[in-house]
Amino acid sequence: MVSRKTIARMSLYRRLLISLRDDGTSHVFSHQLAKLAGLTAAQVRRDFMAIGYSGSPTRGYEVGKCIDSIGGFLDGPRRQDVALVGAGKLGRSIISHFSGRRPKLAIVAAFDDDPAKVEGRIDGCRCFPVDIMESTVRDLGIQIAIVATPPAAAQKATDALVRAGVRSIVSFAATPLQVPEGVSIIDMDITAALETAAYIARETPAAVAAEAEADVDKAAAPLLRQLDTLLAGNEVKLDELARRIGAQIVSGDSCPQRVVENIYAGDRVSDLLNEATDRTLLVTNLMSLQMIRVAELMDVPAICFVNGVCPEPDIVAKADSTGTTLMVSPIGVFETCGLIYQSLAAAPATAPTARV
């Protein structure tokens, strides 16, 4: 069962991708989409992996195919109809906003107790009296509903919808709703959202960044453990590894034959000091002279920068002076590690070589 959060992110990705397509964009990398979505590139890649879609290491995701893939995941084979209860200002805004946006998901019936609103149409959606809601929803076979009533009327409306066969309800009512087992409630609590936003606004940028980094580190840890196991059996040379993942070597021409036995992916210098050896490949977003100095201190033979961004000349010059091989991967940290894993898993193991 895919989580609600994953489904919500997929919906967001599709909206962003449609906007990119309409602007003439044909391909997008995970880090670019992540920036638009306010997420991490690792999260984007994990989500697309969950629906079985993968992009090109050199060109990223093909926007049109990505939209189709998300559509195959989110949309049912047939159109699903939605009922809306409460045709006040909020209800009318929801109908207007959603009208015509999704051919396989449509608000087809609204219900209200105001005689001035019933029997009319709101952006093509017919409005019915609320007292015939239960029978109408049942007759139309509707299984999805939106509750946009005042709090006092929300539970009664929900009970009627459940009796009519509705299985999923999106509630904009500012009150908790009770439903039986097997019926899903998704609360759109604007007050809670604003209070959450206010709390986050009080957090320091460092705390927010540390939390995001921790999430990426947790996700990458299992993959890195598998990479170390594979590398121990293959002992891949740097130039061969760069070729396999499509990375460009930009410095250290005298050292590409050095062997790599483990990978460190991340930007925390303190962790690198504990993990690095003279056979570690560092995969990082942090492009600075400090990383070159740390690599020299720990005898790290190579650093792989990511997202296709080449280091400045002073960084390259420092790497050349210390004998550190620099390579640039066209994709992000997590995806680069994934490519290394795929290339090693597909390659036959070789006999271990002697340490130098």
Protein backbone atom coordinates (compact mmCIF):
# COMPACT_ATOMS: atom_id res chain seq x y z
CA MET A 1 0.00 0.00 0.00
CA VAL A 2 1.48 3.34 -1.09
CA SER A 3 1.38 6.02 1.61
CA ARG A 4 -0.87 9.07 1.36
CA LYS A 5 2.18 11.32 1.43
CA THR A 6 3.66 9.57 -1.60
CA ILE A 7 0.37 9.92 -3.50
CA ALA A 8 0.22 13.61 -2.61
CA ARG A 9 3.78 14.13 -3.85
CA MET A 10 2.97 12.33 -7.10
CA SER A 11 0.05 14.69 -7.65
CA LEU A 12 2.37 17.65 -7.04
CA TYR A 13 5.01 16.26 -9.43
CA ARG A 14 2.41 15.87 -12.17
CA ARG A 15 1.22 19.46 -11.82
CA LEU A 16 4.80 20.74 -11.94
CA LEU A 17 5.68 18.53 -14.91
CA ILE A 18 2.61 19.67 -16.84
CA SER A 19 3.69 23.27 -16.26
CA LEU A 20 7.22 22.44 -17.48
CA ARG A 21 5.81 20.68 -20.55
CA ASP A 22 3.61 23.66 -21.36
CA ASP A 23 6.69 25.89 -21.13
CA GLY A 24 8.50 23.71 -23.69
CA THR A 25 10.73 21.71 -21.34
CA SER A 26 11.38 18.17 -22.60
CA HIS A 27 13.65 16.77 -19.86
CA VAL A 28 14.22 17.51 -16.18
CA PHE A 29 16.70 16.20 -13.62
CA SER A 30 15.59 15.05 -10.18
CA HIS A 31 17.35 17.95 -8.44
CA GLN A 32 15.55 20.45 -10.67
CA LEU A 33 12.14 18.92 -9.98
CA ALA A 34 13.00 18.67 -6.29
CA LYS A 35 13.76 22.39 -6.17
CA LEU A 36 10.38 23.20 -7.72
CA ALA A 37 8.60 20.85 -5.32
CA GLY A 38 10.46 21.99 -2.21
CA LEU A 39 11.79 18.47 -1.62
CA THR A 40 15.12 16.68 -1.85
CA ALA A 41 16.37 15.08 -5.05
CA ALA A 42 16.66 11.78 -3.17
CA GLN A 43 12.96 11.92 -2.30
CA VAL A 44 12.01 12.54 -5.92
CA ARG A 45 14.08 9.59 -7.10
CA ARG A 46 12.65 7.28 -4.43
CA ASP A 47 9.12 8.25 -5.39
CA PHE A 48 9.69 7.57 -9.09
CA MET A 49 11.37 4.29 -8.27
CA ALA A 50 8.22 3.33 -6.33
CA ILE A 51 6.12 3.59 -9.50
CA GLY A 52 8.73 1.88 -11.67
CA TYR A 53 9.87 4.93 -13.65
CA SER A 54 13.53 5.80 -14.19
CA GLY A 55 15.19 8.51 -16.19
CA SER A 56 18.41 8.84 -18.16
CA PRO A 57 21.67 9.51 -16.27
CA THR A 58 22.66 12.10 -18.84
CA ARG A 59 19.31 13.74 -19.68
CA GLY A 60 17.17 13.18 -16.61
CA TYR A 61 13.46 12.39 -16.77
CA GLU A 62 11.56 12.76 -20.04
CA VAL A 63 8.75 15.10 -19.05
CA GLY A 64 6.01 13.66 -21.27
CA LYS A 65 6.70 10.04 -20.34
CA CYS A 66 7.00 10.97 -16.70
CA ILE A 67 3.56 12.60 -16.78
CA ASP A 68 2.12 9.48 -18.42
CA SER A 69 3.79 7.23 -15.84
CA ILE A 70 2.37 9.25 -12.94
CA GLY A 71 -1.03 9.22 -14.65
CA GLY A 72 -0.90 5.44 -14.88
CA PHE A 73 -0.23 5.33 -11.15
CA LEU A 74 -2.73 7.97 -9.94
CA ASP A 75 -5.62 7.57 -12.36
CA GLY A 76 -8.07 4.70 -12.53
CA PRO A 77 -9.00 2.95 -15.79
CA ARG A 78 -12.35 4.78 -15.84
CA ARG A 79 -13.53 8.21 -14.74
CA GLN A 80 -14.24 8.51 -11.02
CA ASP A 81 -17.05 10.87 -10.05
CA VAL A 82 -17.04 13.09 -6.96
CA ALA A 83 -19.84 14.62 -4.92
CA LEU A 84 -19.47 17.90 -3.03
CA VAL A 85 -21.58 18.84 0.00
CA GLY A 86 -21.81 22.53 0.81
CA ALA A 87 -22.03 24.90 -2.16
CA GLY A 88 -21.03 28.01 -0.26
CA LYS A 89 -18.05 30.19 -1.17
CA LEU A 90 -15.53 27.46 -0.38
CA GLY A 91 -17.50 24.74 -2.19
CA ARG A 92 -17.98 26.88 -5.29
CA SER A 93 -14.27 27.74 -5.33
CA ILE A 94 -13.34 24.06 -5.17
CA ILE A 95 -15.66 23.20 -8.07
CA SER A 96 -14.37 26.12 -10.13
CA HIS A 97 -10.73 25.28 -9.44
CA PHE A 98 -11.09 21.60 -10.33
CA SER A 99 -13.38 21.97 -13.34
CA GLY A 100 -11.84 20.32 -16.42
CA ARG A 101 -8.43 19.71 -14.84
CA ARG A 102 -8.58 15.89 -14.67
CA PRO A 103 -10.54 13.96 -17.31
CA LYS A 104 -10.65 10.86 -15.09
CA LEU A 105 -11.70 12.68 -11.91
CA ALA A 106 -14.69 15.03 -11.94
CA ILE A 107 -17.02 16.73 -9.45
CA VAL A 108 -20.39 15.82 -10.99
CA ALA A 109 -22.86 16.69 -8.21
CA ALA A 110 -23.07 19.36 -5.52
CA PHE A 111 -25.52 19.45 -2.63
CA ASP A 112 -26.77 22.34 -0.50
CA ASP A 113 -29.72 23.26 1.71
CA ASP A 114 -30.08 26.77 0.25
CA PRO A 115 -33.09 26.81 -2.15
CA ALA A 116 -31.45 29.65 -4.10
CA LYS A 117 -28.56 27.38 -5.08
CA VAL A 118 -30.25 24.08 -5.87
CA GLU A 119 -31.23 23.10 -9.40
CA GLY A 120 -28.62 25.50 -10.72
CA ARG A 121 -25.14 24.78 -12.08
CA ILE A 122 -21.69 25.78 -10.84
CA ASP A 123 -19.11 25.60 -13.65
CA GLY A 124 -21.19 22.86 -15.24
CA CYS A 125 -21.76 20.92 -12.00
CA ARG A 126 -25.43 20.51 -11.08
CA CYS A 127 -26.47 21.44 -7.54
CA PHE A 128 -29.10 19.24 -5.83
CA PRO A 129 -31.10 19.64 -2.61
CA VAL A 130 -29.24 18.09 0.31
CA ASP A 131 -32.30 16.06 1.35
CA ILE A 132 -31.95 13.85 -1.76
CA MET A 133 -28.17 13.54 -1.43
CA GLU A 134 -28.12 9.97 -0.13
CA SER A 135 -30.29 8.54 -2.89
CA THR A 136 -28.63 10.61 -5.64
CA VAL A 137 -25.10 9.63 -4.62
CA ARG A 138 -26.14 5.98 -4.46
CA ASP A 139 -27.87 6.10 -7.86
CA LEU A 140 -24.85 7.75 -9.49
CA GLY A 141 -22.45 5.21 -7.96
CA ILE A 142 -20.27 7.94 -6.45
CA GLN A 143 -17.58 6.71 -4.02
CA ILE A 144 -15.66 9.96 -3.44
CA ALA A 145 -16.97 13.08 -1.71
CA ILE A 146 -15.87 16.50 -0.51
CA VAL A 147 -17.40 17.93 2.67
CA ALA A 148 -17.30 21.73 2.68
CA THR A 149 -20.13 22.44 5.12
CA PRO A 150 -20.09 24.37 8.39
CA PRO A 151 -18.86 22.21 11.30
CA ALA A 152 -22.36 21.69 12.74
CA ALA A 153 -23.60 20.03 9.56
CA ALA A 154 -20.49 18.04 8.66
CA GLN A 155 -21.08 14.82 10.63
CA LYS A 156 -24.69 14.45 9.47
CA ALA A 157 -23.59 14.92 5.85
CA THR A 158 -20.76 12.41 6.33
CA ASP A 159 -23.12 9.80 7.76
CA ALA A 160 -25.41 10.14 4.74
CA LEU A 161 -22.51 9.85 2.33
CA VAL A 162 -21.26 6.69 4.03
CA ARG A 163 -24.74 5.13 3.87
CA ALA A 164 -24.80 5.96 0.15
CA GLY A 165 -21.60 3.99 -0.45
CA VAL A 166 -18.90 6.69 -0.37
CA ARG A 167 -15.50 5.22 0.55
CA SER A 168 -13.21 8.28 0.53
CA ILE A 169 -14.01 11.73 1.92
CA VAL A 170 -12.01 14.94 1.76
CA SER A 171 -13.12 17.16 4.62
CA PHE A 172 -12.75 20.94 4.75
CA ALA A 173 -14.99 21.07 7.82
CA ALA A 174 -13.22 22.47 10.85
CA THR A 175 -14.17 19.50 13.02
CA PRO A 176 -13.11 15.84 13.40
CA LEU A 177 -15.44 13.46 11.55
CA GLN A 178 -16.22 9.91 12.61
CA VAL A 179 -16.45 7.21 9.95
CA PRO A 180 -16.66 3.41 10.12
CA GLU A 181 -13.76 1.11 9.32
CA GLY A 182 -13.11 0.90 5.59
CA VAL A 183 -13.96 4.56 4.92
CA SER A 184 -11.08 7.02 4.49
CA ILE A 185 -11.08 10.61 5.74
CA ILE A 186 -8.55 13.15 4.49
CA ASP A 187 -8.70 16.31 6.61
CA MET A 188 -7.79 19.61 4.98
CA ASP A 189 -7.32 21.51 8.24
CA ILE A 190 -6.33 25.04 7.30
CA THR A 191 -5.86 26.10 10.94
CA ALA A 192 -3.45 23.24 11.62
CA ALA A 193 -1.60 24.00 8.39
CA LEU A 194 -1.12 27.65 9.34
CA GLU A 195 -0.01 26.78 12.87
CA THR A 196 2.47 24.26 11.44
CA ALA A 197 3.78 26.91 9.05
CA ALA A 198 4.14 29.33 11.95
CA TYR A 199 6.09 26.78 13.98
CA ILE A 200 8.44 26.00 11.07
CA ALA A 201 8.99 29.72 10.52
CA ARG A 202 10.32 29.98 14.07
CA GLU A 203 12.83 27.18 13.49
CA THR A 204 16.38 28.20 12.61
CA PRO A 205 17.57 27.48 9.04
CA ALA A 206 20.31 25.24 10.47
CA ALA A 207 17.77 23.04 12.26
CA VAL A 208 15.63 22.68 9.14
CA ALA A 209 18.67 21.84 7.00
CA ALA A 210 19.94 19.30 9.52
CA GLU A 211 16.57 17.52 9.53
CA ALA A 212 16.50 17.31 5.72
CA GLU A 213 20.09 16.04 5.60
CA ALA A 214 19.32 13.38 8.19
CA ASP A 215 16.44 12.10 6.05
CA VAL A 216 18.72 11.74 3.02
CA ASP A 217 21.43 10.01 5.07
CA LYS A 218 18.93 7.47 6.43
CA ALA A 219 17.66 6.70 2.93
CA ALA A 220 21.16 6.29 1.50
CA ALA A 221 22.59 4.11 4.30
CA PRO A 222 21.25 0.71 3.08
CA LEU A 223 22.43 1.39 -0.47
CA LEU A 224 25.90 2.42 0.72
CA ARG A 225 26.23 -0.78 2.73
CA GLN A 226 25.43 -2.81 -0.39
CA LEU A 227 27.90 -0.74 -2.41
CA ASP A 228 30.70 -1.48 0.04
CA THR A 229 29.94 -5.21 -0.21
CA LEU A 230 30.04 -5.12 -4.00
CA LEU A 231 33.17 -2.99 -4.12
CA ALA A 232 34.97 -5.39 -1.79
CA GLY A 233 34.51 -8.09 -4.40
CA ASN A 234 35.24 -5.98 -7.47
CA GLU A 235 37.93 -3.44 -6.48
CA VAL A 236 37.06 -1.08 -9.31
CA LYS A 237 39.59 1.40 -10.61
CA LEU A 238 38.62 5.05 -10.70
CA ASP A 239 38.73 5.49 -14.48
CA GLU A 240 36.60 2.38 -14.99
CA LEU A 241 34.09 3.53 -12.39
CA ALA A 242 33.84 6.96 -14.00
CA ARG A 243 33.21 5.36 -17.38
CA ARG A 244 30.46 3.12 -15.99
CA ILE A 245 28.47 5.96 -14.43
CA GLY A 246 29.07 8.53 -17.16
CA ALA A 247 31.20 10.82 -14.97
CA GLN A 248 33.87 13.14 -16.34
CA ILE A 249 37.33 13.12 -14.76
CA VAL A 250 38.46 16.74 -14.46
CA SER A 251 41.70 16.39 -12.47
CA GLY A 252 44.20 13.86 -11.19
CA ASP A 253 45.23 12.36 -14.54
CA SER A 254 48.07 10.52 -12.83
CA CYS A 255 45.83 8.62 -10.39
CA PRO A 256 42.85 7.11 -12.29
CA GLN A 257 44.23 3.58 -11.85
CA ARG A 258 43.83 3.74 -8.08
CA VAL A 259 41.35 1.25 -6.64
CA VAL A 260 38.13 2.08 -4.75
CA GLU A 261 36.84 -0.23 -2.03
CA ASN A 262 34.09 1.83 -0.39
CA ILE A 263 31.85 4.85 -0.94
CA TYR A 264 31.07 7.76 1.34
CA ALA A 265 28.08 9.84 0.20
CA GLY A 266 27.31 13.04 2.09
CA ASP A 267 28.49 16.48 3.11
CA ARG A 268 29.34 16.03 6.79
CA VAL A 269 33.07 16.47 7.18
CA SER A 270 32.98 15.02 10.70
CA ASP A 271 31.50 11.75 9.42
CA LEU A 272 33.97 11.64 6.54
CA LEU A 273 36.87 11.86 8.99
CA ASN A 274 35.54 8.76 10.74
CA GLU A 275 34.69 6.76 7.60
CA ALA A 276 37.35 7.61 4.99
CA THR A 277 40.29 5.42 3.99
CA ASP A 278 42.85 5.55 1.20
CA ARG A 279 40.38 3.59 -0.96
CA THR A 280 37.25 5.70 -0.40
CA LEU A 281 35.37 7.51 -3.16
CA LEU A 282 33.64 10.58 -1.75
CA VAL A 283 30.35 11.46 -3.49
CA THR A 284 29.23 14.91 -2.38
CA ASN A 285 27.34 18.12 -3.13
CA LEU A 286 29.89 20.15 -1.19
CA MET A 287 32.27 21.64 -3.75
CA SER A 288 34.95 23.54 -1.85
CA LEU A 289 38.66 23.74 -1.16
CA GLN A 290 37.93 22.38 2.32
CA MET A 291 36.86 19.04 0.83
CA ILE A 292 40.13 18.81 -1.10
CA ARG A 293 42.10 19.49 2.09
CA VAL A 294 40.10 16.84 3.98
CA ALA A 295 40.70 14.37 1.15
CA GLU A 296 44.43 15.09 1.33
CA LEU A 297 44.43 14.68 5.11
CA MET A 298 42.64 11.30 4.92
CA ASP A 299 44.44 10.10 1.76
CA VAL A 300 41.07 9.89 -0.03
CA PRO A 301 41.98 9.16 -3.66
CA ALA A 302 38.95 10.68 -5.37
CA ILE A 303 35.94 12.96 -5.03
CA CYS A 304 32.87 12.76 -7.24
CA PHE A 305 30.92 16.01 -7.45
CA VAL A 306 27.33 15.78 -8.70
CA ASN A 307 24.55 17.42 -10.73
CA GLY A 308 26.89 18.13 -13.65
CA VAL A 309 28.49 21.12 -11.91
CA CYS A 310 32.24 21.39 -12.61
CA PRO A 311 34.56 22.69 -9.87
CA GLU A 312 36.19 26.10 -10.10
CA PRO A 313 39.80 26.27 -11.42
CA ASP A 314 41.26 26.85 -7.93
CA ILE A 315 39.64 23.64 -6.68
CA VAL A 316 40.95 21.69 -9.68
CA ALA A 317 44.43 23.16 -9.19
CA LYS A 318 44.43 22.19 -5.51
CA ALA A 319 43.31 18.66 -6.38
CA ASP A 320 46.08 18.34 -8.98
CA SER A 321 48.65 19.48 -6.43
CA THR A 322 47.51 16.85 -3.90
CA GLY A 323 47.00 14.04 -6.40
CA THR A 324 43.24 13.84 -5.74
CA THR A 325 41.16 12.66 -8.68
CA LEU A 326 38.06 14.79 -9.25
CA MET A 327 35.15 13.54 -11.31
CA VAL A 328 31.75 15.08 -12.05
CA SER A 329 28.58 13.01 -12.26
CA PRO A 330 25.70 14.47 -14.32
CA ILE A 331 23.16 13.46 -11.66
CA GLY A 332 22.62 13.80 -7.90
CA VAL A 333 24.21 12.01 -4.95
CA PHE A 334 21.61 9.31 -4.41
CA GLU A 335 21.20 8.57 -8.12
CA THR A 336 24.98 8.44 -8.63
CA CYS A 337 25.24 5.83 -5.87
CA GLY A 338 22.41 3.95 -7.55
CA LEU A 339 24.28 3.89 -10.86
CA ILE A 340 27.42 2.64 -9.14
CA TYR A 341 25.38 -0.10 -7.51
CA GLN A 342 23.81 -1.12 -10.83
CA SER A 343 27.16 -1.22 -12.62
CA LEU A 344 28.78 -3.27 -9.87
CA ALA A 345 25.86 -5.66 -9.46
CA ALA A 346 25.94 -6.38 -13.20
CA ALA A 347 29.73 -6.83 -13.34
CA PRO A 348 31.45 -10.14 -12.55
CA ALA A 349 33.50 -10.11 -9.36
CA THR A 350 37.29 -10.04 -9.72
CA ALA A 351 39.95 -11.38 -7.45
CA PRO A 352 40.99 -8.90 -4.73
CA THR A 353 44.11 -6.92 -5.44
CA ALA A 354 46.84 -6.11 -2.95
CA ARG A 355 46.57 -2.86 -1.01
CA VAL A 356 49.05 -0.20 -2.00
